Each structure stands twice: as C-alpha cells, then as structure tokens.
Amino acid sequence: MMYEINISELAHHDLDRIVSYLAVNLSSPIAAANFLDEIEKCYENLQHNPYMYAKCQNMRLEKEGYRKIPIKNYILVYKINEKTKTASILRFFYGAQDYLELI
C-alpha cells in the first residue's frame, strides 16, 4: 500500500525559498532544478517506504516520531501516521541550521 504525502504550508514556503535562493541568489537554475529532482525522488520513496529514512537523532524529536532526509545541503523533516498511511512533510531546513527549536 502506498502512503499519501502531505506537505505543510511551512514546507511549501521553505521549498520555495530554497529554490529561489539557488536559482536567483546563486544564479544557478540548474542547481535549483537538480534540487527539485532530488525532492521528487524523496517523495516517491516516502510513498513506497517512509521508514527507509532515519529517525531524528535528538531525543525529543525521535520520541515524537520525527524522521529526516538529507538532501544536498538541506534536511527534510517529516512524520509518519500509520493509521492514515500518510507521510507529512513538516519543514525543510539548511543542514547547518539549528532546526531542533523550529519544529
């Protein structure tokens, strides 16, 4: 059975900001397109097997069921709801960012 992917408004905003940064600020539309390709691959993986990615290593986040996917220099944070068979994308963060307090 495939899982449904739910993307939060914050995650949409984060993704737009990242793609804009790559395409405009770094003048690299190719990097932005490659990043979006990686995101699509992650979404497909989540639909088929959301448990394939590691739990967050922070005790609180792990206890609350958060998982993360490293994508280039960024991290996608999500949760799985087994009852509804959904994977909810919560946020995208820059890898060096202290995202623990932002979740």
PDB file of N, CA and C in Angstrom:
ATOM      1  N   MET A   1       0.826  -1.187   0.000  1.00  0.00           N
ATOM      2  CA  MET A   1       0.000   0.000   0.000  1.00  0.00           C
ATOM      3  C   MET A   1       0.872   1.253   0.000  1.00  0.00           C
ATOM      4  N   MET A   2       0.496   2.209  -0.823  1.00  0.00           N
ATOM      5  CA  MET A   2       1.260   3.450  -0.895  1.00  0.00           C
ATOM      6  C   MET A   2       0.787   4.436   0.167  1.00  0.00           C
ATOM      7  N   TYR A   3       1.723   5.229   0.647  1.00  0.00           N
ATOM      8  CA  TYR A   3       1.424   6.266   1.616  1.00  0.00           C
ATOM      9  C   TYR A   3       1.115   7.565   0.872  1.00  0.00           C
ATOM     10  N   GLU A   4       0.213   8.327   1.437  1.00  0.00           N
ATOM     11  CA  GLU A   4      -0.097   9.649   0.897  1.00  0.00           C
ATOM     12  C   GLU A   4       0.917  10.636   1.453  1.00  0.00           C
ATOM     13  N   ILE A   5       1.308  11.600   0.641  1.00  0.00           N
ATOM     14  CA  ILE A   5       2.245  12.638   1.070  1.00  0.00           C
ATOM     15  C   ILE A   5       1.461  13.918   1.341  1.00  0.00           C
ATOM     16  N   ASN A   6       1.609  14.439   2.546  1.00  0.00           N
ATOM     17  CA  ASN A   6       1.019  15.728   2.909  1.00  0.00           C
ATOM     18  C   ASN A   6       2.161  16.716   3.126  1.00  0.00           C
ATOM     19  N   ILE A   7       2.060  17.867   2.498  1.00  0.00           N
ATOM     20  CA  ILE A   7       3.122  18.871   2.600  1.00  0.00           C
ATOM     21  C   ILE A   7       2.544  20.096   3.303  1.00  0.00           C
ATOM     22  N   SER A   8       3.137  20.468   4.420  1.00  0.00           N
ATOM     23  CA  SER A   8       2.634  21.609   5.190  1.00  0.00           C
ATOM     24  C   SER A   8       2.888  22.913   4.437  1.00  0.00           C
ATOM     25  N   GLU A   9       2.136  23.937   4.827  1.00  0.00           N
ATOM     26  CA  GLU A   9       2.340  25.268   4.237  1.00  0.00           C
ATOM     27  C   GLU A   9       3.757  25.764   4.509  1.00  0.00           C
ATOM     28  N   LEU A  10       4.260  25.499   5.716  1.00  0.00           N
ATOM     29  CA  LEU A  10       5.629  25.911   6.044  1.00  0.00           C
ATOM     30  C   LEU A  10       6.640  25.212   5.139  1.00  0.00           C
ATOM     31  N   ALA A  11       6.418  23.940   4.861  1.00  0.00           N
ATOM     32  CA  ALA A  11       7.328  23.205   3.980  1.00  0.00           C
ATOM     33  C   ALA A  11       7.278  23.768   2.564  1.00  0.00           C
ATOM     34  N   HIS A  12       6.069  24.107   2.081  1.00  0.00           N
ATOM     35  CA  HIS A  12       5.962  24.739   0.761  1.00  0.00           C
ATOM     36  C   HIS A  12       6.747  26.044   0.728  1.00  0.00           C
ATOM     37  N   HIS A  13       6.585  26.840   1.775  1.00  0.00           N
ATOM     38  CA  HIS A  13       7.300  28.118   1.861  1.00  0.00           C
ATOM     39  C   HIS A  13       8.815  27.892   1.905  1.00  0.00           C
ATOM     40  N   ASP A  14       9.243  26.933   2.736  1.00  0.00           N
ATOM     41  CA  ASP A  14      10.680  26.614   2.830  1.00  0.00           C
ATOM     42  C   ASP A  14      11.231  26.213   1.467  1.00  0.00           C
ATOM     43  N   LEU A  15      10.518  25.345   0.781  1.00  0.00           N
ATOM     44  CA  LEU A  15      10.973  24.851  -0.517  1.00  0.00           C
ATOM     45  C   LEU A  15      11.052  25.982  -1.541  1.00  0.00           C
ATOM     46  N   ASP A  16      10.046  26.840  -1.565  1.00  0.00           N
ATOM     47  CA  ASP A  16      10.078  27.992  -2.473  1.00  0.00           C
ATOM     48  C   ASP A  16      11.290  28.874  -2.195  1.00  0.00           C
ATOM     49  N   ARG A  17      11.551  29.110  -0.918  1.00  0.00           N
ATOM     50  CA  ARG A  17      12.688  29.950  -0.519  1.00  0.00           C
ATOM     51  C   ARG A  17      14.019  29.319  -0.938  1.00  0.00           C
ATOM     52  N   ILE A  18      14.154  28.020  -0.762  1.00  0.00           N
ATOM     53  CA  ILE A  18      15.390  27.322  -1.132  1.00  0.00           C
ATOM     54  C   ILE A  18      15.608  27.371  -2.638  1.00  0.00           C
ATOM     55  N   VAL A  19      14.568  27.058  -3.394  1.00  0.00           N
ATOM     56  CA  VAL A  19      14.685  27.045  -4.855  1.00  0.00           C
ATOM     57  C   VAL A  19      14.998  28.447  -5.373  1.00  0.00           C
ATOM     58  N   SER A  20      14.349  29.442  -4.812  1.00  0.00           N
ATOM     59  CA  SER A  20      14.624  30.831  -5.198  1.00  0.00           C
ATOM     60  C   SER A  20      16.073  31.207  -4.885  1.00  0.00           C
ATOM     61  N   TYR A  21      16.542  30.814  -3.716  1.00  0.00           N
ATOM     62  CA  TYR A  21      17.921  31.099  -3.335  1.00  0.00           C
ATOM     63  C   TYR A  21      18.898  30.472  -4.331  1.00  0.00           C
ATOM     64  N   LEU A  22      18.668  29.211  -4.665  1.00  0.00           N
ATOM     65  CA  LEU A  22      19.565  28.523  -5.597  1.00  0.00           C
ATOM     66  C   LEU A  22      19.503  29.150  -6.989  1.00  0.00           C
ATOM     67  N   ALA A  23      18.318  29.421  -7.467  1.00  0.00           N
ATOM     68  CA  ALA A  23      18.137  29.912  -8.836  1.00  0.00           C
ATOM     69  C   ALA A  23      18.527  31.378  -8.988  1.00  0.00           C
ATOM     70  N   VAL A  24      18.137  32.212  -8.013  1.00  0.00           N
ATOM     71  CA  VAL A  24      18.330  33.653  -8.144  1.00  0.00           C
ATOM     72  C   VAL A  24      19.605  34.122  -7.450  1.00  0.00           C
ATOM     73  N   ASN A  25      19.699  33.886  -6.146  1.00  0.00           N
ATOM     74  CA  ASN A  25      20.850  34.383  -5.390  1.00  0.00           C
ATOM     75  C   ASN A  25      22.158  33.753  -5.845  1.00  0.00           C
ATOM     76  N   LEU A  26      22.136  32.453  -6.111  1.00  0.00           N
ATOM     77  CA  LEU A  26      23.359  31.774  -6.569  1.00  0.00           C
ATOM     78  C   LEU A  26      23.451  31.729  -8.090  1.00  0.00           C
ATOM     79  N   SER A  27      22.442  32.278  -8.754  1.00  0.00           N
ATOM     80  CA  SER A  27      22.401  32.300 -10.233  1.00  0.00           C
ATOM     81  C   SER A  27      22.620  30.914 -10.822  1.00  0.00           C
ATOM     82  N   SER A  28      21.937  29.940 -10.251  1.00  0.00           N
ATOM     83  CA  SER A  28      22.110  28.570 -10.709  1.00  0.00           C
ATOM     84  C   SER A  28      20.766  27.863 -10.857  1.00  0.00           C
ATOM     85  N   PRO A  29      20.054  28.158 -11.951  1.00  0.00           N
ATOM     86  CA  PRO A  29      18.793  27.460 -12.157  1.00  0.00           C
ATOM     87  C   PRO A  29      18.965  25.953 -12.310  1.00  0.00           C
ATOM     88  N   ILE A  30      20.137  25.520 -12.757  1.00  0.00           N
ATOM     89  CA  ILE A  30      20.401  24.082 -12.881  1.00  0.00           C
ATOM     90  C   ILE A  30      20.447  23.439 -11.496  1.00  0.00           C
ATOM     91  N   ALA A  31      21.102  24.109 -10.541  1.00  0.00           N
ATOM     92  CA  ALA A  31      21.155  23.585  -9.170  1.00  0.00           C
ATOM     93  C   ALA A  31      19.750  23.521  -8.582  1.00  0.00           C
ATOM     94  N   ALA A  32      18.935  24.533  -8.865  1.00  0.00           N
ATOM     95  CA  ALA A  32      17.556  24.540  -8.373  1.00  0.00           C
ATOM     96  C   ALA A  32      16.765  23.376  -8.972  1.00  0.00           C
ATOM     97  N   ALA A  33      16.919  23.154 -10.271  1.00  0.00           N
ATOM     98  CA  ALA A  33      16.218  22.050 -10.934  1.00  0.00           C
ATOM     99  C   ALA A  33      16.690  20.704 -10.398  1.00  0.00           C
ATOM    100  N   ASN A  34      17.992  20.552 -10.180  1.00  0.00           N
ATOM    101  CA  ASN A  34      18.531  19.306  -9.624  1.00  0.00           C
ATOM    102  C   ASN A  34      18.002  19.062  -8.206  1.00  0.00           C
ATOM    103  N   PHE A  35      17.891  20.130  -7.434  1.00  0.00           N
ATOM    104  CA  PHE A  35      17.359  20.006  -6.077  1.00  0.00           C
ATOM    105  C   PHE A  35      15.904  19.524  -6.121  1.00  0.00           C
ATOM    106  N   LEU A  36      15.116  20.109  -7.013  1.00  0.00           N
ATOM    107  CA  LEU A  36      13.718  19.691  -7.148  1.00  0.00           C
ATOM    108  C   LEU A  36      13.603  18.237  -7.608  1.00  0.00           C
ATOM    109  N   ASP A  37      14.530  17.797  -8.470  1.00  0.00           N
ATOM    110  CA  ASP A  37      14.544  16.386  -8.879  1.00  0.00           C
ATOM    111  C   ASP A  37      14.785  15.477  -7.680  1.00  0.00           C
ATOM    112  N   GLU A  38      15.710  15.881  -6.813  1.00  0.00           N
ATOM    113  CA  GLU A  38      16.002  15.098  -5.607  1.00  0.00           C
ATOM    114  C   GLU A  38      14.785  15.052  -4.680  1.00  0.00           C
ATOM    115  N   ILE A  39      14.076  16.160  -4.584  1.00  0.00           N
ATOM    116  CA  ILE A  39      12.873  16.211  -3.755  1.00  0.00           C
ATOM    117  C   ILE A  39      11.834  15.227  -4.288  1.00  0.00           C
ATOM    118  N   GLU A  40      11.649  15.222  -5.599  1.00  0.00           N
ATOM    119  CA  GLU A  40      10.681  14.296  -6.209  1.00  0.00           C
ATOM    120  C   GLU A  40      11.041  12.843  -5.919  1.00  0.00           C
ATOM    121  N   LYS A  41      12.337  12.515  -5.984  1.00  0.00           N
ATOM    122  CA  LYS A  41      12.776  11.152  -5.665  1.00  0.00           C
ATOM    123  C   LYS A  41      12.444  10.800  -4.211  1.00  0.00           C
ATOM    124  N   CYS A  42      12.667  11.749  -3.306  1.00  0.00           N
ATOM    125  CA  CYS A  42      12.361  11.518  -1.900  1.00  0.00           C
ATOM    126  C   CYS A  42      10.866  11.304  -1.694  1.00  0.00           C
ATOM    127  N   TYR A  43      10.045  12.100  -2.363  1.00  0.00           N
ATOM    128  CA  TYR A  43       8.593  11.937  -2.250  1.00  0.00           C
ATOM    129  C   TYR A  43       8.171  10.551  -2.728  1.00  0.00           C
ATOM    130  N   GLU A  44       8.743  10.100  -3.835  1.00  0.00           N
ATOM    131  CA  GLU A  44       8.419   8.757  -4.339  1.00  0.00           C
ATOM    132  C   GLU A  44       8.834   7.694  -3.336  1.00  0.00           C
ATOM    133  N   ASN A  45      10.028   7.843  -2.758  1.00  0.00           N
ATOM    134  CA  ASN A  45      10.485   6.886  -1.750  1.00  0.00           C
ATOM    135  C   ASN A  45       9.550   6.881  -0.544  1.00  0.00           C
ATOM    136  N   LEU A  46       9.115   8.062  -0.121  1.00  0.00           N
ATOM    137  CA  LEU A  46       8.210   8.147   1.026  1.00  0.00           C
ATOM    138  C   LEU A  46       6.877   7.464   0.738  1.00  0.00           C
ATOM    139  N   GLN A  47       6.400   7.563  -0.484  1.00  0.00           N
ATOM    140  CA  GLN A  47       5.136   6.912  -0.834  1.00  0.00           C
ATOM    141  C   GLN A  47       5.236   5.400  -0.708  1.00  0.00           C
ATOM    142  N   HIS A  48       6.382   4.848  -1.040  1.00  0.00           N
ATOM    143  CA  HIS A  48       6.553   3.396  -1.047  1.00  0.00           C
ATOM    144  C   HIS A  48       7.094   2.838   0.264  1.00  0.00           C
ATOM    145  N   ASN A  49       7.981   3.586   0.918  1.00  0.00           N
ATOM    146  CA  ASN A  49       8.585   3.094   2.149  1.00  0.00           C
ATOM    147  C   ASN A  49       9.055   4.265   3.015  1.00  0.00           C
ATOM    148  N   PRO A  50       8.161   4.886   3.755  1.00  0.00           N
ATOM    149  CA  PRO A  50       8.548   6.055   4.557  1.00  0.00           C
ATOM    150  C   PRO A  50       9.493   5.719   5.714  1.00  0.00           C
ATOM    151  N   TYR A  51       9.627   4.440   6.032  1.00  0.00           N
ATOM    152  CA  TYR A  51      10.505   4.046   7.130  1.00  0.00           C
ATOM    153  C   TYR A  51      11.965   3.889   6.703  1.00  0.00           C
ATOM    154  N   MET A  52      12.261   4.120   5.432  1.00  0.00           N
ATOM    155  CA  MET A  52      13.621   3.909   4.946  1.00  0.00           C
ATOM    156  C   MET A  52      14.605   4.978   5.422  1.00  0.00           C
ATOM    157  N   TYR A  53      14.092   6.101   5.883  1.00  0.00           N
ATOM    158  CA  TYR A  53      14.967   7.187   6.330  1.00  0.00           C
ATOM    159  C   TYR A  53      15.082   7.175   7.850  1.00  0.00           C
ATOM    160  N   ALA A  54      16.176   7.711   8.338  1.00  0.00           N
ATOM    161  CA  ALA A  54      16.497   7.653   9.765  1.00  0.00           C
ATOM    162  C   ALA A  54      15.597   8.544  10.611  1.00  0.00           C
ATOM    163  N   LYS A  55      15.421   8.124  11.849  1.00  0.00           N
ATOM    164  CA  LYS A  55      14.749   8.969  12.828  1.00  0.00           C
ATOM    165  C   LYS A  55      15.696  10.119  13.173  1.00  0.00           C
ATOM    166  N   CYS A  56      15.122  11.238  13.594  1.00  0.00           N
ATOM    167  CA  CYS A  56      15.942  12.348  14.059  1.00  0.00           C
ATOM    168  C   CYS A  56      16.722  11.878  15.281  1.00  0.00           C
ATOM    169  N   GLN A  57      17.943  12.371  15.421  1.00  0.00           N
ATOM    170  CA  GLN A  57      18.806  11.894  16.494  1.00  0.00           C
ATOM    171  C   GLN A  57      18.562  12.596  17.820  1.00  0.00           C
ATOM    172  N   ASN A  58      17.915  13.737  17.802  1.00  0.00           N
ATOM    173  CA  ASN A  58      17.568  14.427  19.026  1.00  0.00           C
ATOM    174  C   ASN A  58      16.533  13.593  19.778  1.00  0.00           C
ATOM    175  N   MET A  59      16.719  13.419  21.092  1.00  0.00           N
ATOM    176  CA  MET A  59      15.829  12.559  21.877  1.00  0.00           C
ATOM    177  C   MET A  59      14.367  12.983  21.788  1.00  0.00           C
ATOM    178  N   ARG A  60      14.115  14.274  21.933  1.00  0.00           N
ATOM    179  CA  ARG A  60      12.727  14.757  21.904  1.00  0.00           C
ATOM    180  C   ARG A  60      12.091  14.500  20.540  1.00  0.00           C
ATOM    181  N   LEU A  61      12.811  14.836  19.473  1.00  0.00           N
ATOM    182  CA  LEU A  61      12.258  14.651  18.131  1.00  0.00           C
ATOM    183  C   LEU A  61      12.067  13.173  17.803  1.00  0.00           C
ATOM    184  N   GLU A  62      13.019  12.352  18.218  1.00  0.00           N
ATOM    185  CA  GLU A  62      12.888  10.912  17.983  1.00  0.00           C
ATOM    186  C   GLU A  62      11.677  10.360  18.725  1.00  0.00           C
ATOM    187  N   LYS A  63      11.509  10.774  19.968  1.00  0.00           N
ATOM    188  CA  LYS A  63      10.382  10.309  20.782  1.00  0.00           C
ATOM    189  C   LYS A  63       9.048  10.717  20.162  1.00  0.00           C
ATOM    190  N   GLU A  64       9.020  11.881  19.503  1.00  0.00           N
ATOM    191  CA  GLU A  64       7.798  12.371  18.873  1.00  0.00           C
ATOM    192  C   GLU A  64       7.599  11.804  17.463  1.00  0.00           C
ATOM    193  N   GLY A  65       8.547  10.964  17.020  1.00  0.00           N
ATOM    194  CA  GLY A  65       8.380  10.275  15.742  1.00  0.00           C
ATOM    195  C   GLY A  65       8.892  11.003  14.508  1.00  0.00           C
ATOM    196  N   TYR A  66       9.682  12.031  14.696  1.00  0.00           N
ATOM    197  CA  TYR A  66      10.209  12.769  13.556  1.00  0.00           C
ATOM    198  C   TYR A  66      11.324  11.995  12.856  1.00  0.00           C
ATOM    199  N   ARG A  67      11.348  12.078  11.557  1.00  0.00           N
ATOM    200  CA  ARG A  67      12.395  11.481  10.728  1.00  0.00           C
ATOM    201  C   ARG A  67      12.966  12.559   9.835  1.00  0.00           C
ATOM    202  N   LYS A  68      14.152  12.287   9.276  1.00  0.00           N
ATOM    203  CA  LYS A  68      14.782  13.301   8.433  1.00  0.00           C
ATOM    204  C   LYS A  68      15.402  12.668   7.199  1.00  0.00           C
ATOM    205  N   ILE A  69      15.470  13.482   6.164  1.00  0.00           N
ATOM    206  CA  ILE A  69      16.097  13.066   4.914  1.00  0.00           C
ATOM    207  C   ILE A  69      17.115  14.137   4.533  1.00  0.00           C
ATOM    208  N   PRO A  70      18.396  13.788   4.477  1.00  0.00           N
ATOM    209  CA  PRO A  70      19.371  14.763   3.976  1.00  0.00           C
ATOM    210  C   PRO A  70      19.275  14.845   2.452  1.00  0.00           C
ATOM    211  N   ILE A  71      19.152  16.070   1.952  1.00  0.00           N
ATOM    212  CA  ILE A  71      19.076  16.316   0.514  1.00  0.00           C
ATOM    213  C   ILE A  71      20.042  17.442   0.197  1.00  0.00           C
ATOM    214  N   LYS A  72      21.144  17.072  -0.412  1.00  0.00           N
ATOM    215  CA  LYS A  72      22.216  18.041  -0.697  1.00  0.00           C
ATOM    216  C   LYS A  72      22.592  18.724   0.618  1.00  0.00           C
ATOM    217  N   ASN A  73      22.480  20.060   0.709  1.00  0.00           N
ATOM    218  CA  ASN A  73      22.840  20.781   1.932  1.00  0.00           C
ATOM    219  C   ASN A  73      21.652  21.030   2.846  1.00  0.00           C
ATOM    220  N   TYR A  74      20.553  20.348   2.595  1.00  0.00           N
ATOM    221  CA  TYR A  74      19.312  20.614   3.320  1.00  0.00           C
ATOM    222  C   TYR A  74      18.792  19.348   3.986  1.00  0.00           C
ATOM    223  N   ILE A  75      17.829  19.544   4.880  1.00  0.00           N
ATOM    224  CA  ILE A  75      17.208  18.429   5.588  1.00  0.00           C
ATOM    225  C   ILE A  75      15.695  18.577   5.489  1.00  0.00           C
ATOM    226  N   LEU A  76      15.047  17.519   5.086  1.00  0.00           N
ATOM    227  CA  LEU A  76      13.587  17.440   5.052  1.00  0.00           C
ATOM    228  C   LEU A  76      13.169  16.703   6.323  1.00  0.00           C
ATOM    229  N   VAL A  77      12.245  17.265   7.076  1.00  0.00           N
ATOM    230  CA  VAL A  77      11.766  16.644   8.316  1.00  0.00           C
ATOM    231  C   VAL A  77      10.307  16.247   8.121  1.00  0.00           C
ATOM    232  N   TYR A  78       9.995  15.012   8.508  1.00  0.00           N
ATOM    233  CA  TYR A  78       8.639  14.502   8.310  1.00  0.00           C
ATOM    234  C   TYR A  78       8.239  13.550   9.431  1.00  0.00           C
ATOM    235  N   LYS A  79       6.954  13.228   9.466  1.00  0.00           N
ATOM    236  CA  LYS A  79       6.397  12.259  10.410  1.00  0.00           C
ATOM    237  C   LYS A  79       5.514  11.295   9.639  1.00  0.00           C
ATOM    238  N   ILE A  80       5.399  10.096  10.166  1.00  0.00           N
ATOM    239  CA  ILE A  80       4.554   9.068   9.564  1.00  0.00           C
ATOM    240  C   ILE A  80       3.340   8.851  10.460  1.00  0.00           C
ATOM    241  N   ASN A  81       2.174   8.761   9.833  1.00  0.00           N
ATOM    242  CA  ASN A  81       0.960   8.383  10.547  1.00  0.00           C
ATOM    243  C   ASN A  81       0.527   7.042   9.966  1.00  0.00           C
ATOM    244  N   GLU A  82       0.748   6.005  10.722  1.00  0.00           N
ATOM    245  CA  GLU A  82       0.457   4.651  10.247  1.00  0.00           C
ATOM    246  C   GLU A  82      -1.046   4.407  10.090  1.00  0.00           C
ATOM    247  N   LYS A  83      -1.848   5.020  10.943  1.00  0.00           N
ATOM    248  CA  LYS A  83      -3.298   4.821  10.864  1.00  0.00           C
ATOM    249  C   LYS A  83      -3.864   5.328   9.545  1.00  0.00           C
ATOM    250  N   THR A  84      -3.404   6.510   9.126  1.00  0.00           N
ATOM    251  CA  THR A  84      -3.940   7.105   7.897  1.00  0.00           C
ATOM    252  C   THR A  84      -3.057   6.840   6.685  1.00  0.00           C
ATOM    253  N   LYS A  85      -1.932   6.129   6.912  1.00  0.00           N
ATOM    254  CA  LYS A  85      -0.976   5.826   5.838  1.00  0.00           C
ATOM    255  C   LYS A  85      -0.527   7.109   5.138  1.00  0.00           C
ATOM    256  N   THR A  86      -0.096   8.088   5.964  1.00  0.00           N
ATOM    257  CA  THR A  86       0.406   9.337   5.416  1.00  0.00           C
ATOM    258  C   THR A  86       1.811   9.633   5.928  1.00  0.00           C
ATOM    259  N   ALA A  87       2.560  10.307   5.095  1.00  0.00           N
ATOM    260  CA  ALA A  87       3.856  10.865   5.478  1.00  0.00           C
ATOM    261  C   ALA A  87       3.702  12.372   5.347  1.00  0.00           C
ATOM    262  N   SER A  88       3.833  13.070   6.459  1.00  0.00           N
ATOM    263  CA  SER A  88       3.628  14.516   6.474  1.00  0.00           C
ATOM    264  C   SER A  88       4.961  15.241   6.476  1.00  0.00           C
ATOM    265  N   ILE A  89       5.191  15.991   5.410  1.00  0.00           N
ATOM    266  CA  ILE A  89       6.406  16.798   5.282  1.00  0.00           C
ATOM    267  C   ILE A  89       6.178  18.059   6.105  1.00  0.00           C
ATOM    268  N   LEU A  90       7.012  18.255   7.122  1.00  0.00           N
ATOM    269  CA  LEU A  90       6.794  19.380   8.021  1.00  0.00           C
ATOM    270  C   LEU A  90       7.601  20.606   7.629  1.00  0.00           C
ATOM    271  N   ARG A  91       8.891  20.422   7.365  1.00  0.00           N
ATOM    272  CA  ARG A  91       9.760  21.563   7.063  1.00  0.00           C
ATOM    273  C   ARG A  91      10.969  21.101   6.259  1.00  0.00           C
ATOM    274  N   PHE A  92      11.612  22.071   5.612  1.00  0.00           N
ATOM    275  CA  PHE A  92      12.931  21.917   5.002  1.00  0.00           C
ATOM    276  C   PHE A  92      13.848  22.889   5.718  1.00  0.00           C
ATOM    277  N   PHE A  93      15.038  22.440   6.070  1.00  0.00           N
ATOM    278  CA  PHE A  93      15.997  23.294   6.759  1.00  0.00           C
ATOM    279  C   PHE A  93      17.355  23.212   6.076  1.00  0.00           C
ATOM    280  N   TYR A  94      18.116  24.288   6.198  1.00  0.00           N
ATOM    281  CA  TYR A  94      19.513  24.259   5.784  1.00  0.00           C
ATOM    282  C   TYR A  94      20.233  23.354   6.775  1.00  0.00           C
ATOM    283  N   GLY A  95      21.125  22.498   6.281  1.00  0.00           N
ATOM    284  CA  GLY A  95      21.764  21.488   7.108  1.00  0.00           C
ATOM    285  C   GLY A  95      22.516  22.010   8.311  1.00  0.00           C
ATOM    286  N   ALA A  96      23.110  23.213   8.189  1.00  0.00           N
ATOM    287  CA  ALA A  96      23.876  23.773   9.296  1.00  0.00           C
ATOM    288  C   ALA A  96      22.987  24.532  10.284  1.00  0.00           C
ATOM    289  N   GLN A  97      21.724  24.666   9.951  1.00  0.00           N
ATOM    290  CA  GLN A  97      20.777  25.399  10.791  1.00  0.00           C
ATOM    291  C   GLN A  97      20.376  24.559  11.997  1.00  0.00           C
ATOM    292  N   ASP A  98      20.210  25.205  13.132  1.00  0.00           N
ATOM    293  CA  ASP A  98      19.742  24.516  14.338  1.00  0.00           C
ATOM    294  C   ASP A  98      18.220  24.435  14.271  1.00  0.00           C
ATOM    295  N   TYR A  99      17.733  23.366  13.649  1.00  0.00           N
ATOM    296  CA  TYR A  99      16.301  23.250  13.396  1.00  0.00           C
ATOM    297  C   TYR A  99      15.524  22.655  14.565  1.00  0.00           C
ATOM    298  N   LEU A 100      16.204  22.169  15.580  1.00  0.00           N
ATOM    299  CA  LEU A 100      15.533  21.490  16.684  1.00  0.00           C
ATOM    300  C   LEU A 100      14.482  22.365  17.356  1.00  0.00           C
ATOM    301  N   GLU A 101      14.772  23.654  17.496  1.00  0.00           N
ATOM    302  CA  GLU A 101      13.839  24.551  18.167  1.00  0.00           C
ATOM    303  C   GLU A 101      12.765  25.077  17.229  1.00  0.00           C
ATOM    304  N   LEU A 102      12.931  24.863  15.930  1.00  0.00           N
ATOM    305  CA  LEU A 102      11.978  25.398  14.959  1.00  0.00           C
ATOM    306  C   LEU A 102      10.854  24.428  14.630  1.00  0.00           C
ATOM    307  N   ILE A 103      10.945  23.227  15.146  1.00  0.00           N
ATOM    308  CA  ILE A 103       9.905  22.217  14.880  1.00  0.00           C
ATOM    309  C   ILE A 103       8.881  22.271  15.984  1.00  0.00           C
TER     310      ILE A 103
END
